[in-house]
Amino acid sequence: RFILANAAAAAHLAIPLEALIGASPGDFLPGAEAVDR
């Protein structure tokens, strides 16, 4: 889970910065792809 992220990371992931903290990359991917990641 993300405990730190900068604005460039949020832009690359196309996710608001505040939504990143506490989440993991798999939270923004569909089903099986999220599990694999």
ModelCIF file with pLDDT and N, C-alpha, C, O atoms, coordinates in Angstrom:
data_MODEL
#
_entry.id   MODEL 
#
_entity.id                         1 
_entity.type                       polymer 
_entity.pdbx_number_of_molecules   1 
#
_entity_poly.entity_id                      1 
_entity_poly.type                           'polypeptide(L)' 
_entity_poly.nstd_linkage                   no 
_entity_poly.nstd_monomer                   no 
_entity_poly.pdbx_seq_one_letter_code       RFILANAAAAAHLAIPLEALIGASPGDFLPGAEAVDR 
_entity_poly.pdbx_seq_one_letter_code_can   RFILANAAAAAHLAIPLEALIGASPGDFLPGAEAVDR 
_entity_poly.pdbx_strand_id                 A 
#
loop_
_entity_poly_seq.entity_id 
_entity_poly_seq.num 
_entity_poly_seq.mon_id 
_entity_poly_seq.hetero 
1 1  ARG n 
1 2  PHE n 
1 3  ILE n 
1 4  LEU n 
1 5  ALA n 
1 6  ASN n 
1 7  ALA n 
1 8  ALA n 
1 9  ALA n 
1 10 ALA n 
1 11 ALA n 
1 12 HIS n 
1 13 LEU n 
1 14 ALA n 
1 15 ILE n 
1 16 PRO n 
1 17 LEU n 
1 18 GLU n 
1 19 ALA n 
1 20 LEU n 
1 21 ILE n 
1 22 GLY n 
1 23 ALA n 
1 24 SER n 
1 25 PRO n 
1 26 GLY n 
1 27 ASP n 
1 28 PHE n 
1 29 LEU n 
1 30 PRO n 
1 31 GLY n 
1 32 ALA n 
1 33 GLU n 
1 34 ALA n 
1 35 VAL n 
1 36 ASP n 
1 37 ARG n 
#
_struct_asym.id          A 
_struct_asym.entity_id   1 
#
loop_
_ma_qa_metric.id 
_ma_qa_metric.mode 
_ma_qa_metric.name 
_ma_qa_metric.software_group_id 
_ma_qa_metric.type 
1 global pLDDT . pLDDT 
2 local  pLDDT . pLDDT 
#
_ma_qa_metric_global.metric_id      1 
_ma_qa_metric_global.metric_value   77.97 
_ma_qa_metric_global.model_id       1 
_ma_qa_metric_global.ordinal_id     1 
#
loop_
_ma_qa_metric_local.label_asym_id 
_ma_qa_metric_local.label_comp_id 
_ma_qa_metric_local.label_seq_id 
_ma_qa_metric_local.metric_id 
_ma_qa_metric_local.metric_value 
_ma_qa_metric_local.model_id 
_ma_qa_metric_local.ordinal_id 
A ARG 1  2 85.00 1 1  
A PHE 2  2 87.00 1 2  
A ILE 3  2 87.00 1 3  
A LEU 4  2 87.00 1 4  
A ALA 5  2 87.00 1 5  
A ASN 6  2 87.00 1 6  
A ALA 7  2 86.00 1 7  
A ALA 8  2 84.00 1 8  
A ALA 9  2 82.00 1 9  
A ALA 10 2 83.00 1 10 
A ALA 11 2 79.00 1 11 
A HIS 12 2 75.00 1 12 
A LEU 13 2 73.00 1 13 
A ALA 14 2 76.00 1 14 
A ILE 15 2 81.00 1 15 
A PRO 16 2 85.00 1 16 
A LEU 17 2 83.00 1 17 
A GLU 18 2 85.00 1 18 
A ALA 19 2 85.00 1 19 
A LEU 20 2 85.00 1 20 
A ILE 21 2 87.00 1 21 
A GLY 22 2 87.00 1 22 
A ALA 23 2 85.00 1 23 
A SER 24 2 80.00 1 24 
A PRO 25 2 75.00 1 25 
A GLY 26 2 72.00 1 26 
A ASP 27 2 77.00 1 27 
A PHE 28 2 73.00 1 28 
A LEU 29 2 68.00 1 29 
A PRO 30 2 65.00 1 30 
A GLY 31 2 62.00 1 31 
A ALA 32 2 64.00 1 32 
A GLU 33 2 63.00 1 33 
A ALA 34 2 62.00 1 34 
A VAL 35 2 64.00 1 35 
A ASP 36 2 70.00 1 36 
A ARG 37 2 69.00 1 37 
#
loop_
_atom_site.group_PDB 
_atom_site.id 
_atom_site.type_symbol 
_atom_site.label_atom_id 
_atom_site.label_alt_id 
_atom_site.label_comp_id 
_atom_site.label_asym_id 
_atom_site.label_entity_id 
_atom_site.label_seq_id 
_atom_site.pdbx_PDB_ins_code 
_atom_site.Cartn_x 
_atom_site.Cartn_y 
_atom_site.Cartn_z 
_atom_site.occupancy 
_atom_site.B_iso_or_equiv 
_atom_site.pdbx_formal_charge 
_atom_site.auth_seq_id 
_atom_site.auth_comp_id 
_atom_site.auth_asym_id 
_atom_site.auth_atom_id 
_atom_site.pdbx_PDB_model_num 
ATOM 1   N N  . ARG A 1 1  ? 0.838   -1.198  0.000   1.00 85.00 ? 1  ARG A N  1 
ATOM 2   C CA . ARG A 1 1  ? 0.000   0.000   0.000   1.00 85.00 ? 1  ARG A CA 1 
ATOM 3   C C  . ARG A 1 1  ? 0.876   1.252   0.000   1.00 85.00 ? 1  ARG A C  1 
ATOM 4   O O  . ARG A 1 1  ? 1.928   1.290   0.638   1.00 85.00 ? 1  ARG A O  1 
ATOM 5   N N  . PHE A 1 2  ? 0.422   2.280   -0.729  1.00 87.00 ? 2  PHE A N  1 
ATOM 6   C CA . PHE A 1 2  ? 1.189   3.515   -0.842  1.00 87.00 ? 2  PHE A CA 1 
ATOM 7   C C  . PHE A 1 2  ? 1.195   4.255   0.489   1.00 87.00 ? 2  PHE A C  1 
ATOM 8   O O  . PHE A 1 2  ? 0.149   4.505   1.087   1.00 87.00 ? 2  PHE A O  1 
ATOM 9   N N  . ILE A 1 3  ? 2.405   4.600   0.941   1.00 87.00 ? 3  ILE A N  1 
ATOM 10  C CA . ILE A 1 3  ? 2.519   5.463   2.123   1.00 87.00 ? 3  ILE A CA 1 
ATOM 11  C C  . ILE A 1 3  ? 3.107   6.822   1.738   1.00 87.00 ? 3  ILE A C  1 
ATOM 12  O O  . ILE A 1 3  ? 3.143   7.750   2.546   1.00 87.00 ? 3  ILE A O  1 
ATOM 13  N N  . LEU A 1 4  ? 3.570   6.920   0.484   1.00 87.00 ? 4  LEU A N  1 
ATOM 14  C CA . LEU A 1 4  ? 4.076   8.201   -0.017  1.00 87.00 ? 4  LEU A CA 1 
ATOM 15  C C  . LEU A 1 4  ? 3.959   8.193   -1.535  1.00 87.00 ? 4  LEU A C  1 
ATOM 16  O O  . LEU A 1 4  ? 4.210   7.178   -2.184  1.00 87.00 ? 4  LEU A O  1 
ATOM 17  N N  . ALA A 1 5  ? 3.574   9.335   -2.091  1.00 87.00 ? 5  ALA A N  1 
ATOM 18  C CA . ALA A 1 5  ? 3.512   9.486   -3.543  1.00 87.00 ? 5  ALA A CA 1 
ATOM 19  C C  . ALA A 1 5  ? 3.596   10.966  -3.863  1.00 87.00 ? 5  ALA A C  1 
ATOM 20  O O  . ALA A 1 5  ? 3.125   11.796  -3.085  1.00 87.00 ? 5  ALA A O  1 
ATOM 21  N N  . ASN A 1 6  ? 4.195   11.313  -5.010  1.00 87.00 ? 6  ASN A N  1 
ATOM 22  C CA . ASN A 1 6  ? 4.264   12.720  -5.405  1.00 87.00 ? 6  ASN A CA 1 
ATOM 23  C C  . ASN A 1 6  ? 3.296   12.998  -6.549  1.00 87.00 ? 6  ASN A C  1 
ATOM 24  O O  . ASN A 1 6  ? 2.625   12.092  -7.045  1.00 87.00 ? 6  ASN A O  1 
ATOM 25  N N  . ALA A 1 7  ? 3.232   14.264  -6.962  1.00 86.00 ? 7  ALA A N  1 
ATOM 26  C CA . ALA A 1 7  ? 2.264   14.676  -7.981  1.00 86.00 ? 7  ALA A CA 1 
ATOM 27  C C  . ALA A 1 7  ? 2.525   13.989  -9.313  1.00 86.00 ? 7  ALA A C  1 
ATOM 28  O O  . ALA A 1 7  ? 1.581   13.644  -10.025 1.00 86.00 ? 7  ALA A O  1 
ATOM 29  N N  . ALA A 1 8  ? 3.814   13.782  -9.667  1.00 84.00 ? 8  ALA A N  1 
ATOM 30  C CA . ALA A 1 8  ? 4.130   13.127  -10.942 1.00 84.00 ? 8  ALA A CA 1 
ATOM 31  C C  . ALA A 1 8  ? 3.607   11.693  -10.960 1.00 84.00 ? 8  ALA A C  1 
ATOM 32  O O  . ALA A 1 8  ? 3.137   11.220  -11.995 1.00 84.00 ? 8  ALA A O  1 
ATOM 33  N N  . ALA A 1 9  ? 3.685   10.993  -9.817  1.00 82.00 ? 9  ALA A N  1 
ATOM 34  C CA . ALA A 1 9  ? 3.168   9.626   -9.741  1.00 82.00 ? 9  ALA A CA 1 
ATOM 35  C C  . ALA A 1 9  ? 1.654   9.608   -9.926  1.00 82.00 ? 9  ALA A C  1 
ATOM 36  O O  . ALA A 1 9  ? 1.121   8.745   -10.625 1.00 82.00 ? 9  ALA A O  1 
ATOM 37  N N  . ALA A 1 10 ? 0.964   10.554  -9.303  1.00 83.00 ? 10 ALA A N  1 
ATOM 38  C CA . ALA A 1 10 ? -0.490  10.630  -9.447  1.00 83.00 ? 10 ALA A CA 1 
ATOM 39  C C  . ALA A 1 10 ? -0.872  10.902  -10.900 1.00 83.00 ? 10 ALA A C  1 
ATOM 40  O O  . ALA A 1 10 ? -1.857  10.360  -11.400 1.00 83.00 ? 10 ALA A O  1 
ATOM 41  N N  . ALA A 1 11 ? -0.078  11.753  -11.581 1.00 79.00 ? 11 ALA A N  1 
ATOM 42  C CA . ALA A 1 11 ? -0.358  12.057  -12.984 1.00 79.00 ? 11 ALA A CA 1 
ATOM 43  C C  . ALA A 1 11 ? -0.141  10.832  -13.862 1.00 79.00 ? 11 ALA A C  1 
ATOM 44  O O  . ALA A 1 11 ? -0.938  10.567  -14.762 1.00 79.00 ? 11 ALA A O  1 
ATOM 45  N N  . HIS A 1 12 ? 0.937   10.076  -13.610 1.00 75.00 ? 12 HIS A N  1 
ATOM 46  C CA . HIS A 1 12 ? 1.213   8.872   -14.391 1.00 75.00 ? 12 HIS A CA 1 
ATOM 47  C C  . HIS A 1 12 ? 0.099   7.841   -14.225 1.00 75.00 ? 12 HIS A C  1 
ATOM 48  O O  . HIS A 1 12 ? -0.295  7.177   -15.184 1.00 75.00 ? 12 HIS A O  1 
ATOM 49  N N  . LEU A 1 13 ? -0.401  7.717   -12.999 1.00 73.00 ? 13 LEU A N  1 
ATOM 50  C CA . LEU A 1 13 ? -1.425  6.712   -12.731 1.00 73.00 ? 13 LEU A CA 1 
ATOM 51  C C  . LEU A 1 13 ? -2.839  7.226   -13.023 1.00 73.00 ? 13 LEU A C  1 
ATOM 52  O O  . LEU A 1 13 ? -3.809  6.469   -12.984 1.00 73.00 ? 13 LEU A O  1 
ATOM 53  N N  . ALA A 1 14 ? -2.937  8.538   -13.320 1.00 76.00 ? 14 ALA A N  1 
ATOM 54  C CA . ALA A 1 14 ? -4.242  9.158   -13.603 1.00 76.00 ? 14 ALA A CA 1 
ATOM 55  C C  . ALA A 1 14 ? -5.197  8.994   -12.428 1.00 76.00 ? 14 ALA A C  1 
ATOM 56  O O  . ALA A 1 14 ? -6.390  8.746   -12.603 1.00 76.00 ? 14 ALA A O  1 
ATOM 57  N N  . ILE A 1 15 ? -4.635  9.141   -11.204 1.00 81.00 ? 15 ILE A N  1 
ATOM 58  C CA . ILE A 1 15 ? -5.425  8.978   -9.975  1.00 81.00 ? 15 ILE A CA 1 
ATOM 59  C C  . ILE A 1 15 ? -5.118  10.165  -9.069  1.00 81.00 ? 15 ILE A C  1 
ATOM 60  O O  . ILE A 1 15 ? -3.950  10.533  -8.948  1.00 81.00 ? 15 ILE A O  1 
ATOM 61  N N  . PRO A 1 16 ? -6.113  10.784  -8.424  1.00 85.00 ? 16 PRO A N  1 
ATOM 62  C CA . PRO A 1 16 ? -5.843  11.901  -7.511  1.00 85.00 ? 16 PRO A CA 1 
ATOM 63  C C  . PRO A 1 16 ? -4.858  11.486  -6.417  1.00 85.00 ? 16 PRO A C  1 
ATOM 64  O O  . PRO A 1 16 ? -4.900  10.359  -5.923  1.00 85.00 ? 16 PRO A O  1 
ATOM 65  N N  . LEU A 1 17 ? -3.980  12.404  -6.053  1.00 83.00 ? 17 LEU A N  1 
ATOM 66  C CA . LEU A 1 17 ? -2.928  12.094  -5.083  1.00 83.00 ? 17 LEU A CA 1 
ATOM 67  C C  . LEU A 1 17 ? -3.519  11.619  -3.755  1.00 83.00 ? 17 LEU A C  1 
ATOM 68  O O  . LEU A 1 17 ? -3.010  10.682  -3.140  1.00 83.00 ? 17 LEU A O  1 
ATOM 69  N N  . GLU A 1 18 ? -4.586  12.268  -3.324  1.00 85.00 ? 18 GLU A N  1 
ATOM 70  C CA . GLU A 1 18 ? -5.166  11.884  -2.026  1.00 85.00 ? 18 GLU A CA 1 
ATOM 71  C C  . GLU A 1 18 ? -5.767  10.478  -2.063  1.00 85.00 ? 18 GLU A C  1 
ATOM 72  O O  . GLU A 1 18 ? -5.889  9.824   -1.028  1.00 85.00 ? 18 GLU A O  1 
ATOM 73  N N  . ALA A 1 19 ? -6.144  10.013  -3.267  1.00 85.00 ? 19 ALA A N  1 
ATOM 74  C CA . ALA A 1 19 ? -6.729  8.674   -3.380  1.00 85.00 ? 19 ALA A CA 1 
ATOM 75  C C  . ALA A 1 19 ? -5.653  7.586   -3.380  1.00 85.00 ? 19 ALA A C  1 
ATOM 76  O O  . ALA A 1 19 ? -5.955  6.413   -3.157  1.00 85.00 ? 19 ALA A O  1 
ATOM 77  N N  . LEU A 1 20 ? -4.407  7.970   -3.629  1.00 85.00 ? 20 LEU A N  1 
ATOM 78  C CA . LEU A 1 20 ? -3.336  6.981   -3.678  1.00 85.00 ? 20 LEU A CA 1 
ATOM 79  C C  . LEU A 1 20 ? -2.917  6.494   -2.289  1.00 85.00 ? 20 LEU A C  1 
ATOM 80  O O  . LEU A 1 20 ? -2.727  5.297   -2.072  1.00 85.00 ? 20 LEU A O  1 
ATOM 81  N N  . ILE A 1 21 ? -2.778  7.417   -1.370  1.00 87.00 ? 21 ILE A N  1 
ATOM 82  C CA . ILE A 1 21 ? -2.270  7.061   -0.047  1.00 87.00 ? 21 ILE A CA 1 
ATOM 83  C C  . ILE A 1 21 ? -3.211  6.058   0.625   1.00 87.00 ? 21 ILE A C  1 
ATOM 84  O O  . ILE A 1 21 ? -4.409  6.304   0.764   1.00 87.00 ? 21 ILE A O  1 
ATOM 85  N N  . GLY A 1 22 ? -2.640  4.923   1.037   1.00 87.00 ? 22 GLY A N  1 
ATOM 86  C CA . GLY A 1 22 ? -3.407  3.865   1.667   1.00 87.00 ? 22 GLY A CA 1 
ATOM 87  C C  . GLY A 1 22 ? -3.948  2.842   0.686   1.00 87.00 ? 22 GLY A C  1 
ATOM 88  O O  . GLY A 1 22 ? -4.447  1.791   1.090   1.00 87.00 ? 22 GLY A O  1 
ATOM 89  N N  . ALA A 1 23 ? -3.850  3.146   -0.608  1.00 85.00 ? 23 ALA A N  1 
ATOM 90  C CA . ALA A 1 23 ? -4.311  2.201   -1.630  1.00 85.00 ? 23 ALA A CA 1 
ATOM 91  C C  . ALA A 1 23 ? -3.122  1.455   -2.210  1.00 85.00 ? 23 ALA A C  1 
ATOM 92  O O  . ALA A 1 23 ? -1.971  1.796   -1.933  1.00 85.00 ? 23 ALA A O  1 
ATOM 93  N N  . SER A 1 24 ? -3.399  0.446   -3.008  1.00 80.00 ? 24 SER A N  1 
ATOM 94  C CA . SER A 1 24 ? -2.352  -0.291  -3.719  1.00 80.00 ? 24 SER A CA 1 
ATOM 95  C C  . SER A 1 24 ? -2.669  -0.242  -5.212  1.00 80.00 ? 24 SER A C  1 
ATOM 96  O O  . SER A 1 24 ? -3.821  -0.009  -5.579  1.00 80.00 ? 24 SER A O  1 
ATOM 97  N N  . PRO A 1 25 ? -1.671  -0.457  -6.092  1.00 75.00 ? 25 PRO A N  1 
ATOM 98  C CA . PRO A 1 25 ? -1.921  -0.391  -7.541  1.00 75.00 ? 25 PRO A CA 1 
ATOM 99  C C  . PRO A 1 25 ? -3.054  -1.300  -8.001  1.00 75.00 ? 25 PRO A C  1 
ATOM 100 O O  . PRO A 1 25 ? -3.783  -0.969  -8.937  1.00 75.00 ? 25 PRO A O  1 
ATOM 101 N N  . GLY A 1 26 ? -3.201  -2.461  -7.332  1.00 72.00 ? 26 GLY A N  1 
ATOM 102 C CA . GLY A 1 26 ? -4.234  -3.395  -7.727  1.00 72.00 ? 26 GLY A CA 1 
ATOM 103 C C  . GLY A 1 26 ? -5.643  -2.869  -7.531  1.00 72.00 ? 26 GLY A C  1 
ATOM 104 O O  . GLY A 1 26 ? -6.583  -3.352  -8.162  1.00 72.00 ? 26 GLY A O  1 
ATOM 105 N N  . ASP A 1 27 ? -5.797  -1.856  -6.637  1.00 77.00 ? 27 ASP A N  1 
ATOM 106 C CA . ASP A 1 27 ? -7.124  -1.291  -6.384  1.00 77.00 ? 27 ASP A CA 1 
ATOM 107 C C  . ASP A 1 27 ? -7.683  -0.568  -7.602  1.00 77.00 ? 27 ASP A C  1 
ATOM 108 O O  . ASP A 1 27 ? -8.888  -0.339  -7.704  1.00 77.00 ? 27 ASP A O  1 
ATOM 109 N N  . PHE A 1 28 ? -6.792  -0.212  -8.525  1.00 73.00 ? 28 PHE A N  1 
ATOM 110 C CA . PHE A 1 28 ? -7.218  0.554   -9.697  1.00 73.00 ? 28 PHE A CA 1 
ATOM 111 C C  . PHE A 1 28 ? -7.185  -0.282  -10.974 1.00 73.00 ? 28 PHE A C  1 
ATOM 112 O O  . PHE A 1 28 ? -7.293  0.253   -12.078 1.00 73.00 ? 28 PHE A O  1 
ATOM 113 N N  . LEU A 1 29 ? -7.038  -1.588  -10.816 1.00 68.00 ? 29 LEU A N  1 
ATOM 114 C CA . LEU A 1 29 ? -6.998  -2.499  -11.964 1.00 68.00 ? 29 LEU A CA 1 
ATOM 115 C C  . LEU A 1 29 ? -8.187  -3.449  -11.901 1.00 68.00 ? 29 LEU A C  1 
ATOM 116 O O  . LEU A 1 29 ? -8.708  -3.706  -10.816 1.00 68.00 ? 29 LEU A O  1 
ATOM 117 N N  . PRO A 1 30 ? -8.632  -3.980  -13.050 1.00 65.00 ? 30 PRO A N  1 
ATOM 118 C CA . PRO A 1 30 ? -9.754  -4.930  -13.052 1.00 65.00 ? 30 PRO A CA 1 
ATOM 119 C C  . PRO A 1 30 ? -9.364  -6.283  -12.465 1.00 65.00 ? 30 PRO A C  1 
ATOM 120 O O  . PRO A 1 30 ? -8.207  -6.696  -12.542 1.00 65.00 ? 30 PRO A O  1 
ATOM 121 N N  . GLY A 1 31 ? -10.347 -6.968  -11.876 1.00 62.00 ? 31 GLY A N  1 
ATOM 122 C CA . GLY A 1 31 ? -10.291 -8.307  -11.301 1.00 62.00 ? 31 GLY A CA 1 
ATOM 123 C C  . GLY A 1 31 ? -8.986  -9.062  -11.282 1.00 62.00 ? 31 GLY A C  1 
ATOM 124 O O  . GLY A 1 31 ? -8.133  -8.833  -10.424 1.00 62.00 ? 31 GLY A O  1 
ATOM 125 N N  . ALA A 1 32 ? -8.831  -9.981  -12.249 1.00 64.00 ? 32 ALA A N  1 
ATOM 126 C CA . ALA A 1 32 ? -7.681  -10.894 -12.270 1.00 64.00 ? 32 ALA A CA 1 
ATOM 127 C C  . ALA A 1 32 ? -6.380  -10.124 -12.401 1.00 64.00 ? 32 ALA A C  1 
ATOM 128 O O  . ALA A 1 32 ? -5.370  -10.515 -11.817 1.00 64.00 ? 32 ALA A O  1 
ATOM 129 N N  . GLU A 1 33 ? -6.387  -9.030  -13.162 1.00 63.00 ? 33 GLU A N  1 
ATOM 130 C CA . GLU A 1 33 ? -5.174  -8.233  -13.334 1.00 63.00 ? 33 GLU A CA 1 
ATOM 131 C C  . GLU A 1 33 ? -4.735  -7.624  -12.004 1.00 63.00 ? 33 GLU A C  1 
ATOM 132 O O  . GLU A 1 33 ? -3.540  -7.529  -11.725 1.00 63.00 ? 33 GLU A O  1 
ATOM 133 N N  . ALA A 1 34 ? -5.701  -7.213  -11.187 1.00 62.00 ? 34 ALA A N  1 
ATOM 134 C CA . ALA A 1 34 ? -5.400  -6.642  -9.874  1.00 62.00 ? 34 ALA A CA 1 
ATOM 135 C C  . ALA A 1 34 ? -4.755  -7.686  -8.963  1.00 62.00 ? 34 ALA A C  1 
ATOM 136 O O  . ALA A 1 34 ? -3.780  -7.389  -8.273  1.00 62.00 ? 34 ALA A O  1 
ATOM 137 N N  . VAL A 1 35 ? -5.295  -8.906  -8.959  1.00 64.00 ? 35 VAL A N  1 
ATOM 138 C CA . VAL A 1 35 ? -4.742  -9.985  -8.132  1.00 64.00 ? 35 VAL A CA 1 
ATOM 139 C C  . VAL A 1 35 ? -3.313  -10.298 -8.554  1.00 64.00 ? 35 VAL A C  1 
ATOM 140 O O  . VAL A 1 35 ? -2.425  -10.432 -7.713  1.00 64.00 ? 35 VAL A O  1 
ATOM 141 N N  . ASP A 1 36 ? -3.095  -10.414 -9.869  1.00 70.00 ? 36 ASP A N  1 
ATOM 142 C CA . ASP A 1 36 ? -1.752  -10.723 -10.382 1.00 70.00 ? 36 ASP A CA 1 
ATOM 143 C C  . ASP A 1 36 ? -0.762  -9.629  -9.994  1.00 70.00 ? 36 ASP A C  1 
ATOM 144 O O  . ASP A 1 36 ? 0.358   -9.923  -9.577  1.00 70.00 ? 36 ASP A O  1 
ATOM 145 N N  . ARG A 1 37 ? -1.179  -8.352  -10.133 1.00 69.00 ? 37 ARG A N  1 
ATOM 146 C CA . ARG A 1 37 ? -0.286  -7.240  -9.817  1.00 69.00 ? 37 ARG A CA 1 
ATOM 147 C C  . ARG A 1 37 ? 0.050   -7.231  -8.329  1.00 69.00 ? 37 ARG A C  1 
ATOM 148 O O  . ARG A 1 37 ? 0.793   -6.364  -7.869  1.00 69.00 ? 37 ARG A O  1 
#
